[in-house]
Amino acid sequence: MRIAYVSLHWARTKNSGVGKKIENQLDVWRRAGHEARMFMHAATGEPAERLIEAQVIPYESRGKIVTELNRIRAARQLVNAVKEFKPDIIYLRYGIYVYPAHRLMKIAPVIEEINTNDLTQHEDLGGIYSLYNRLTRGIFLRLVRGLVTVSRELEVSPAFALYRKPTRVIANGIELDAFAPLSAPSNESPRLVFIGSPGYIWHGVDKLVDFARRFSDVQLDIVGYDSLPEHEPLPRNLTLHGYLSSEQYLKVLARADVAISSLALHRIQLDEASTLKSRECLALGLPLVVAYTDTDLDDAGFDFLLKIPNKEDNIHTHGEAIREFAYRMRGVRADRGALKDRIDSTRKEELRLKFFREIINKKLDADSR
C-alpha cells in the first residue's frame, strides 16, 4: 500500500508524544513493506531539525484573518502534494476543518484518527473557533470511509457514532524495545513525576500543587511547566522543570519512583484514555498513578498501577493512597514483559494496516459494481 499520513495545523516535533507516535507508525508500516509518507500542514516557527520526517507545507501565523488565508493556501498545496503521491489510502489525524482539505476524499479513501472529543476539548480555543469547529466538523466526518478511535468511549460517543462509519478501537501504543528501562532509584522519601504542557485543563496541575502541599514528605517534579503564578508561593517539595528535551527529562524520570497521569479528564467530559506520556513512563519502568479508565490496562490488575477516580476531588479522597503507593513503589519497576502484549505498538499497527486493507477493498468492490 501507498499510505499518506496527513496532519493539519500542528508542527509535529521529534520530542513530542504525538511526534514519536507518528514516527513509530510510519516505521512499522515501512517495515511491513508499505510506502508511507507524512504530510504536515503546520504553522511556521519550529526549527526544521526539531520536526519529524515529513513533507512540510508551512504557513505563517500573523493575525486571525491573515493566518486563516495562509492556512487555506497551505491546505490547497497540501491537497496537491498528496495527489502527486498517489496514495492507496489516506490516514488523517483529526484537526479542525480547513478549506479545501475535503478534496483529499477525492484522491483516495480517508480514515480519520479520533483522539479526543473535539466538541468539548475545542471549547478551550474560544467561542469563535469552537463554533467554527461545530459547524464544519461534519464535512470530514461525513466523507471519510472509516474512523480509528483511541478508546471505546469515543467509539460509542454520539459525537462520532451518529456518522455510522466503520470504526476500529486502537489505543495509543509505544514501541517498548525502543526504550531502555531505567533502574529504580534509592530514594529515602519518594519522588513523583508528571510530564505535560501548559494550557491543558485536563492535566490537573492544580491538583498536583494541592497534593504537594498536603504531603510535604513526598517530592514532586513537574516537567513542561516553568511557572504556576496562580499557585504561588509553591510548596518547597515541588520543582518545576519547564520544557526539557528527551535527554533532559530522562534524567528527571530516572530519579522518580512513580509517574502520574493526567488527573482531570473529567473536565473535558472524558473518562477513558491511553495517553502517550503514561505509556512512555511505563516503557521506562516507572509505576503509574492512573486517574481514568485506560483502554489497554484497566482490567490488568498490575501491582505497579494505582487507579484513582476521575473526579474533581480525587486528590482529596485518594491523596493518602497515592502517598502510600509512592512509598510502596520505592525500588520497584514496572514489568515490561507483562505490558508488551497490551501497549506495544507493533500489534496495534498490524490491526491498523488490516483495517486499511478492508477499507481499500470495500472501495474496490463498490467501484467494480
Protein backbone atom coordinates (compact mmCIF):
# COMPACT_ATOMS: atom_id res chain seq x y z
CA MET A 1 0.00 0.00 0.00
CA ARG A 2 0.96 3.61 -0.53
CA ILE A 3 -0.13 5.39 2.63
CA ALA A 4 -0.34 9.17 3.03
CA TYR A 5 -0.39 10.30 6.66
CA VAL A 6 -1.86 13.82 6.97
CA SER A 7 -1.61 16.15 9.96
CA LEU A 8 -3.33 19.55 9.92
CA HIS A 9 -2.31 22.79 11.68
CA TRP A 10 0.32 21.47 14.10
CA ALA A 11 4.07 21.13 13.79
CA ARG A 12 4.85 17.59 14.96
CA THR A 13 8.17 17.53 16.75
CA LYS A 14 10.53 14.65 17.47
CA ASN A 15 10.33 15.33 21.20
CA SER A 16 6.53 15.32 21.50
CA GLY A 17 4.43 12.29 22.33
CA VAL A 18 2.40 12.68 19.14
CA GLY A 19 5.55 13.12 17.05
CA LYS A 20 7.07 9.95 18.48
CA LYS A 21 3.84 8.05 17.87
CA ILE A 22 3.66 9.14 14.23
CA GLU A 23 7.32 8.29 13.62
CA ASN A 24 6.77 4.85 15.11
CA GLN A 25 3.65 4.25 13.00
CA LEU A 26 5.43 5.19 9.78
CA ASP A 27 8.39 2.99 10.73
CA VAL A 28 6.20 -0.07 11.40
CA TRP A 29 4.28 0.44 8.16
CA ARG A 30 7.50 0.68 6.17
CA ARG A 31 8.97 -2.38 7.84
CA ALA A 32 5.81 -4.24 6.80
CA GLY A 33 6.64 -3.40 3.16
CA HIS A 34 4.39 -0.39 2.61
CA GLU A 35 5.35 3.01 1.20
CA ALA A 36 4.34 5.68 3.69
CA ARG A 37 4.84 9.44 3.66
CA MET A 38 3.93 12.10 6.20
CA PHE A 39 2.36 15.37 5.01
CA MET A 40 2.46 18.07 7.66
CA HIS A 41 0.34 21.24 7.29
CA ALA A 42 1.85 23.43 10.01
CA ALA A 43 2.42 26.97 11.19
CA THR A 44 5.99 28.16 10.87
CA GLY A 45 8.07 28.65 13.98
CA GLU A 46 9.56 25.30 14.92
CA PRO A 47 13.15 24.80 13.69
CA ALA A 48 13.33 22.19 10.93
CA GLU A 49 15.69 20.00 12.92
CA ARG A 50 13.05 19.55 15.64
CA LEU A 51 10.36 18.32 13.24
CA ILE A 52 9.69 14.68 12.44
CA GLU A 53 10.43 13.46 8.92
CA ALA A 54 7.68 14.84 6.68
CA GLN A 55 6.80 16.80 3.59
CA VAL A 56 6.07 20.07 5.38
CA ILE A 57 3.57 22.54 3.94
CA PRO A 58 4.12 25.63 6.11
CA TYR A 59 2.02 28.73 6.65
CA GLU A 60 2.67 31.92 8.58
CA SER A 61 0.59 32.89 11.62
CA ARG A 62 0.04 36.66 11.58
CA GLY A 63 -3.33 37.89 12.85
CA LYS A 64 -6.53 35.88 12.60
CA ILE A 65 -7.62 36.86 9.09
CA VAL A 66 -4.18 36.65 7.50
CA THR A 67 -3.47 33.39 9.33
CA GLU A 68 -6.67 31.82 8.02
CA LEU A 69 -5.90 32.90 4.45
CA ASN A 70 -2.40 31.48 4.80
CA ARG A 71 -3.80 28.28 6.29
CA ILE A 72 -6.18 27.87 3.33
CA ARG A 73 -3.39 28.49 0.84
CA ALA A 74 -1.23 25.87 2.52
CA ALA A 75 -4.14 23.39 2.65
CA ARG A 76 -4.56 23.74 -1.10
CA GLN A 77 -0.85 22.98 -1.53
CA LEU A 78 -1.23 20.01 0.82
CA VAL A 79 -4.03 18.51 -1.26
CA ASN A 80 -1.91 18.85 -4.41
CA ALA A 81 1.11 17.27 -2.71
CA VAL A 82 -0.93 14.27 -1.55
CA LYS A 83 -2.46 13.91 -5.02
CA GLU A 84 1.01 13.77 -6.56
CA PHE A 85 1.96 10.97 -4.15
CA LYS A 86 -0.97 8.85 -5.49
CA PRO A 87 -1.78 7.04 -2.24
CA ASP A 88 -4.00 3.97 -1.91
CA ILE A 89 -5.22 5.23 1.45
CA ILE A 90 -5.01 8.48 3.44
CA TYR A 91 -4.72 8.47 7.22
CA LEU A 92 -5.89 11.81 8.63
CA ARG A 93 -5.22 12.82 12.21
CA TYR A 94 -8.27 14.77 13.38
CA GLY A 95 -7.95 18.52 13.08
CA ILE A 96 -10.34 21.42 12.64
CA TYR A 97 -11.54 21.61 9.05
CA VAL A 98 -9.74 23.99 6.71
CA TYR A 99 -10.79 24.68 3.13
CA PRO A 100 -10.24 22.83 0.76
CA ALA A 101 -8.98 19.81 2.74
CA HIS A 102 -12.19 17.89 1.91
CA ARG A 103 -10.71 17.37 -1.57
CA LEU A 104 -8.46 14.74 -0.01
CA MET A 105 -11.50 12.45 -0.11
CA LYS A 106 -11.45 12.51 -3.92
CA ILE A 107 -7.85 11.27 -4.05
CA ALA A 108 -8.19 8.05 -2.03
CA PRO A 109 -10.25 6.59 0.83
CA VAL A 110 -9.63 8.56 4.04
CA ILE A 111 -9.55 7.06 7.52
CA GLU A 112 -9.63 9.59 10.32
CA GLU A 113 -7.99 9.06 13.71
CA ILE A 114 -10.05 10.36 16.63
CA ASN A 115 -8.01 11.15 19.74
CA THR A 116 -10.47 13.17 21.78
CA ASN A 117 -13.99 14.54 21.87
CA ASP A 118 -13.38 17.74 19.91
CA LEU A 119 -16.78 19.17 20.88
CA THR A 120 -15.65 19.56 24.47
CA GLN A 121 -11.89 19.96 24.06
CA HIS A 122 -12.10 22.71 21.44
CA GLU A 123 -14.17 24.88 23.76
CA ASP A 124 -10.81 25.93 25.20
CA LEU A 125 -9.95 27.56 21.85
CA GLY A 126 -12.54 30.26 22.45
CA GLY A 127 -16.08 30.86 21.25
CA ILE A 128 -15.27 31.62 17.61
CA TYR A 129 -13.09 28.58 16.92
CA SER A 130 -15.35 26.29 18.97
CA LEU A 131 -18.41 27.41 16.96
CA TYR A 132 -16.48 27.08 13.70
CA ASN A 133 -15.48 23.52 14.63
CA ARG A 134 -19.08 22.59 15.48
CA LEU A 135 -20.31 23.97 12.16
CA THR A 136 -17.64 22.34 9.99
CA ARG A 137 -16.64 19.07 11.71
CA GLY A 138 -19.26 17.13 9.75
CA ILE A 139 -17.51 17.92 6.46
CA PHE A 140 -14.76 15.41 7.26
CA LEU A 141 -16.87 13.00 9.29
CA ARG A 142 -19.48 12.57 6.56
CA LEU A 143 -16.91 11.98 3.82
CA VAL A 144 -14.33 9.72 5.47
CA ARG A 145 -14.55 5.96 4.83
CA GLY A 146 -13.66 4.91 8.36
CA LEU A 147 -12.63 6.00 11.84
CA VAL A 148 -9.97 4.83 14.27
CA THR A 149 -10.71 5.87 17.84
CA VAL A 150 -8.19 5.57 20.67
CA SER A 151 -10.87 4.48 23.16
CA ARG A 152 -14.12 2.57 23.36
CA GLU A 153 -15.67 5.66 24.93
CA LEU A 154 -15.03 7.67 21.76
CA GLU A 155 -16.26 4.83 19.55
CA VAL A 156 -19.74 4.94 21.09
CA SER A 157 -19.86 8.71 21.69
CA PRO A 158 -22.78 10.37 19.85
CA ALA A 159 -20.25 12.94 18.60
CA PHE A 160 -18.92 10.26 16.21
CA ALA A 161 -21.32 7.30 16.28
CA LEU A 162 -24.08 9.27 14.56
CA TYR A 163 -21.99 9.27 11.34
CA ARG A 164 -22.17 5.45 11.24
CA LYS A 165 -18.70 4.90 9.85
CA PRO A 166 -16.76 1.61 10.06
CA THR A 167 -14.74 2.07 13.26
CA ARG A 168 -11.83 0.34 14.98
CA VAL A 169 -10.68 0.99 18.53
CA ILE A 170 -6.88 1.06 18.63
CA ALA A 171 -5.47 2.63 21.78
CA ASN A 172 -2.23 4.56 21.71
CA GLY A 173 0.80 2.30 21.74
CA ILE A 174 4.52 2.58 22.17
CA GLU A 175 7.49 0.60 20.87
CA LEU A 176 8.72 -0.89 24.12
CA ASP A 177 12.00 -2.12 22.64
CA ALA A 178 12.92 1.48 21.73
CA PHE A 179 13.15 2.39 25.43
CA ALA A 180 15.86 1.23 27.78
CA PRO A 181 14.34 0.68 31.24
CA LEU A 182 15.55 2.98 34.00
CA SER A 183 16.97 1.47 37.17
CA ALA A 184 14.97 2.15 40.31
CA PRO A 185 16.47 4.98 42.40
CA SER A 186 17.27 4.65 46.09
CA ASN A 187 15.17 7.49 47.47
CA GLU A 188 14.61 7.78 51.21
CA SER A 189 11.46 9.77 50.54
CA PRO A 190 9.59 9.02 47.30
CA ARG A 191 9.63 11.21 44.20
CA LEU A 192 6.65 11.59 41.89
CA VAL A 193 6.90 13.00 38.37
CA PHE A 194 4.39 14.50 35.93
CA ILE A 195 5.08 15.46 32.29
CA GLY A 196 2.75 17.81 30.44
CA SER A 197 2.33 21.11 28.65
CA PRO A 198 0.76 24.37 29.83
CA GLY A 199 -2.77 25.27 28.81
CA TYR A 200 -4.50 21.89 29.11
CA ILE A 201 -7.09 21.85 31.88
CA TRP A 202 -7.34 18.06 31.87
CA HIS A 203 -3.76 17.75 33.16
CA GLY A 204 -4.97 18.83 36.60
CA VAL A 205 -1.71 20.52 37.56
CA ASP A 206 -3.58 22.50 40.22
CA LYS A 207 -4.32 19.16 41.91
CA LEU A 208 -0.61 18.32 41.94
CA VAL A 209 0.09 21.55 43.79
CA ASP A 210 -2.58 20.65 46.36
CA PHE A 211 -1.05 17.19 46.74
CA ALA A 212 2.43 18.64 47.35
CA ARG A 213 1.03 20.98 49.99
CA ARG A 214 -0.70 18.12 51.80
CA PHE A 215 2.22 15.69 51.75
CA SER A 216 5.47 17.53 52.38
CA ASP A 217 7.40 14.26 52.75
CA VAL A 218 6.88 13.41 49.05
CA GLN A 219 8.95 15.17 46.38
CA LEU A 220 7.13 16.18 43.20
CA ASP A 221 8.71 17.07 39.84
CA ILE A 222 6.63 18.70 37.08
CA VAL A 223 8.17 18.74 33.60
CA GLY A 224 6.81 21.09 30.93
CA TYR A 225 5.77 23.95 33.23
CA ASP A 226 8.21 26.71 34.17
CA SER A 227 5.77 28.73 36.29
CA LEU A 228 2.43 28.45 38.04
CA PRO A 229 1.82 32.06 39.14
CA GLU A 230 -1.77 31.41 40.25
CA HIS A 231 -0.49 28.91 42.83
CA GLU A 232 2.45 30.84 44.28
CA PRO A 233 4.08 30.51 46.66
CA LEU A 234 4.68 26.93 45.60
CA PRO A 235 5.44 24.30 48.24
CA ARG A 236 9.14 23.58 48.74
CA ASN A 237 8.76 19.90 47.80
CA LEU A 238 7.51 20.81 44.30
CA THR A 239 10.01 21.53 41.49
CA LEU A 240 9.06 22.98 38.09
CA HIS A 241 11.49 21.99 35.33
CA GLY A 242 9.97 23.81 32.34
CA TYR A 243 10.37 22.45 28.83
CA LEU A 244 13.07 19.77 28.59
CA SER A 245 14.47 17.77 25.71
CA SER A 246 14.08 13.98 25.80
CA GLU A 247 17.61 13.61 27.14
CA GLN A 248 16.97 16.17 29.86
CA TYR A 249 13.65 14.83 31.11
CA LEU A 250 15.02 11.29 31.16
CA LYS A 251 17.35 12.47 33.93
CA VAL A 252 14.32 13.69 35.90
CA LEU A 253 12.45 10.43 35.30
CA ALA A 254 15.49 8.42 36.38
CA ARG A 255 15.20 9.96 39.86
CA ALA A 256 11.48 9.22 40.16
CA ASP A 257 9.78 6.33 41.91
CA VAL A 258 6.34 6.89 40.38
CA ALA A 259 4.81 8.78 37.43
CA ILE A 260 1.39 10.43 37.49
CA SER A 261 -1.05 10.59 34.60
CA SER A 262 -3.41 13.45 33.77
CA LEU A 263 -5.71 13.93 36.74
CA ALA A 264 -8.68 15.81 35.29
CA LEU A 265 -10.05 14.26 32.09
CA HIS A 266 -13.47 14.78 33.67
CA ARG A 267 -13.04 18.49 32.87
CA ILE A 268 -13.44 17.67 29.15
CA GLN A 269 -16.13 15.04 29.78
CA LEU A 270 -13.87 12.06 29.12
CA ASP A 271 -13.33 9.02 31.32
CA GLU A 272 -11.17 6.77 29.11
CA ALA A 273 -7.74 7.35 27.58
CA SER A 274 -4.41 5.80 26.61
CA THR A 275 -2.10 8.75 26.98
CA LEU A 276 1.26 8.63 25.24
CA LYS A 277 3.28 10.08 28.12
CA SER A 278 1.90 7.45 30.51
CA ARG A 279 2.99 4.73 28.10
CA GLU A 280 6.45 6.25 27.78
CA CYS A 281 6.81 6.28 31.57
CA LEU A 282 5.70 2.64 31.77
CA ALA A 283 8.11 1.70 28.98
CA LEU A 284 10.89 3.24 31.06
CA GLY A 285 9.77 1.14 34.01
CA LEU A 286 8.03 3.71 36.20
CA PRO A 287 4.99 2.60 38.22
CA LEU A 288 2.00 4.79 37.39
CA VAL A 289 -0.92 6.55 39.04
CA VAL A 290 -3.87 6.49 36.61
CA ALA A 291 -6.92 8.74 37.07
CA TYR A 292 -9.12 7.35 34.28
CA THR A 293 -10.06 4.11 32.55
CA ASP A 294 -7.04 3.05 30.50
CA THR A 295 -8.22 1.30 27.32
CA ASP A 296 -5.45 -1.31 27.47
CA LEU A 297 -4.75 -1.61 31.19
CA ASP A 298 -7.96 -1.15 33.15
CA ASP A 299 -8.51 -4.88 33.71
CA ALA A 300 -4.84 -5.75 34.20
CA GLY A 301 -4.61 -5.63 37.98
CA PHE A 302 -0.88 -4.90 37.93
CA ASP A 303 0.57 -4.01 41.31
CA PHE A 304 2.64 -1.23 39.70
CA LEU A 305 -0.56 0.61 38.69
CA LEU A 306 -2.73 2.63 41.04
CA LYS A 307 -6.12 3.70 39.74
CA ILE A 308 -7.93 6.60 41.37
CA PRO A 309 -11.34 8.08 40.43
CA ASN A 310 -11.70 10.53 37.56
CA LYS A 311 -13.36 13.17 39.72
CA GLU A 312 -12.67 16.76 40.75
CA ASP A 313 -11.93 15.74 44.33
CA ASN A 314 -9.76 12.68 43.51
CA ILE A 315 -6.66 14.12 45.18
CA HIS A 316 -8.59 14.92 48.35
CA THR A 317 -10.18 11.46 48.51
CA HIS A 318 -7.14 9.46 47.33
CA GLY A 319 -4.13 11.60 48.18
CA GLU A 320 -3.18 9.29 51.04
CA ALA A 321 -3.47 6.28 48.72
CA ILE A 322 -1.08 7.96 46.25
CA ARG A 323 1.38 8.70 49.06
CA GLU A 324 1.26 5.08 50.28
CA PHE A 325 1.67 3.80 46.71
CA ALA A 326 4.72 6.04 46.21
CA TYR A 327 6.36 4.66 49.36
CA ARG A 328 5.49 1.10 48.34
CA MET A 329 6.96 1.54 44.85
CA ARG A 330 10.40 2.66 46.04
CA GLY A 331 12.88 0.25 44.44
CA VAL A 332 10.17 -1.26 42.22
CA ARG A 333 9.89 -1.09 38.42
CA ALA A 334 7.00 -1.87 36.06
CA ASP A 335 7.01 -5.34 34.48
CA ARG A 336 7.69 -4.60 30.80
CA GLY A 337 7.10 -8.24 29.87
CA ALA A 338 3.57 -8.07 31.23
CA LEU A 339 2.99 -4.80 29.39
CA LYS A 340 4.18 -5.91 25.95
CA ASP A 341 1.00 -7.63 24.77
CA ARG A 342 -1.07 -4.69 25.97
CA ILE A 343 0.68 -1.46 24.96
CA ASP A 344 3.37 -2.40 22.42
CA SER A 345 2.74 -0.69 19.09
CA THR A 346 3.66 -3.49 16.67
CA ARG A 347 0.45 -5.46 17.19
CA LYS A 348 -1.60 -2.27 17.15
CA GLU A 349 -0.18 -1.25 13.78
CA GLU A 350 -0.92 -4.70 12.37
CA LEU A 351 -4.57 -4.12 13.29
CA ARG A 352 -4.47 -0.64 11.74
CA LEU A 353 -2.99 -1.93 8.47
CA LYS A 354 -5.62 -4.68 8.34
CA PHE A 355 -8.32 -2.00 8.65
CA PHE A 356 -6.67 -0.02 5.85
CA ARG A 357 -6.89 -3.05 3.56
CA GLU A 358 -10.54 -3.62 4.47
CA ILE A 359 -11.45 -0.04 3.57
CA ILE A 360 -9.50 -0.19 0.29
CA ASN A 361 -11.20 -3.47 -0.65
CA LYS A 362 -14.62 -2.01 0.10
CA LYS A 363 -13.91 0.85 -2.26
CA LEU A 364 -12.65 -1.51 -4.97
CA ASP A 365 -15.78 -3.66 -4.59
CA ALA A 366 -18.00 -0.58 -4.84
CA ASP A 367 -16.16 0.70 -7.91
CA SER A 368 -16.48 -2.63 -9.70
CA ARG A 369 -20.25 -2.81 -9.38
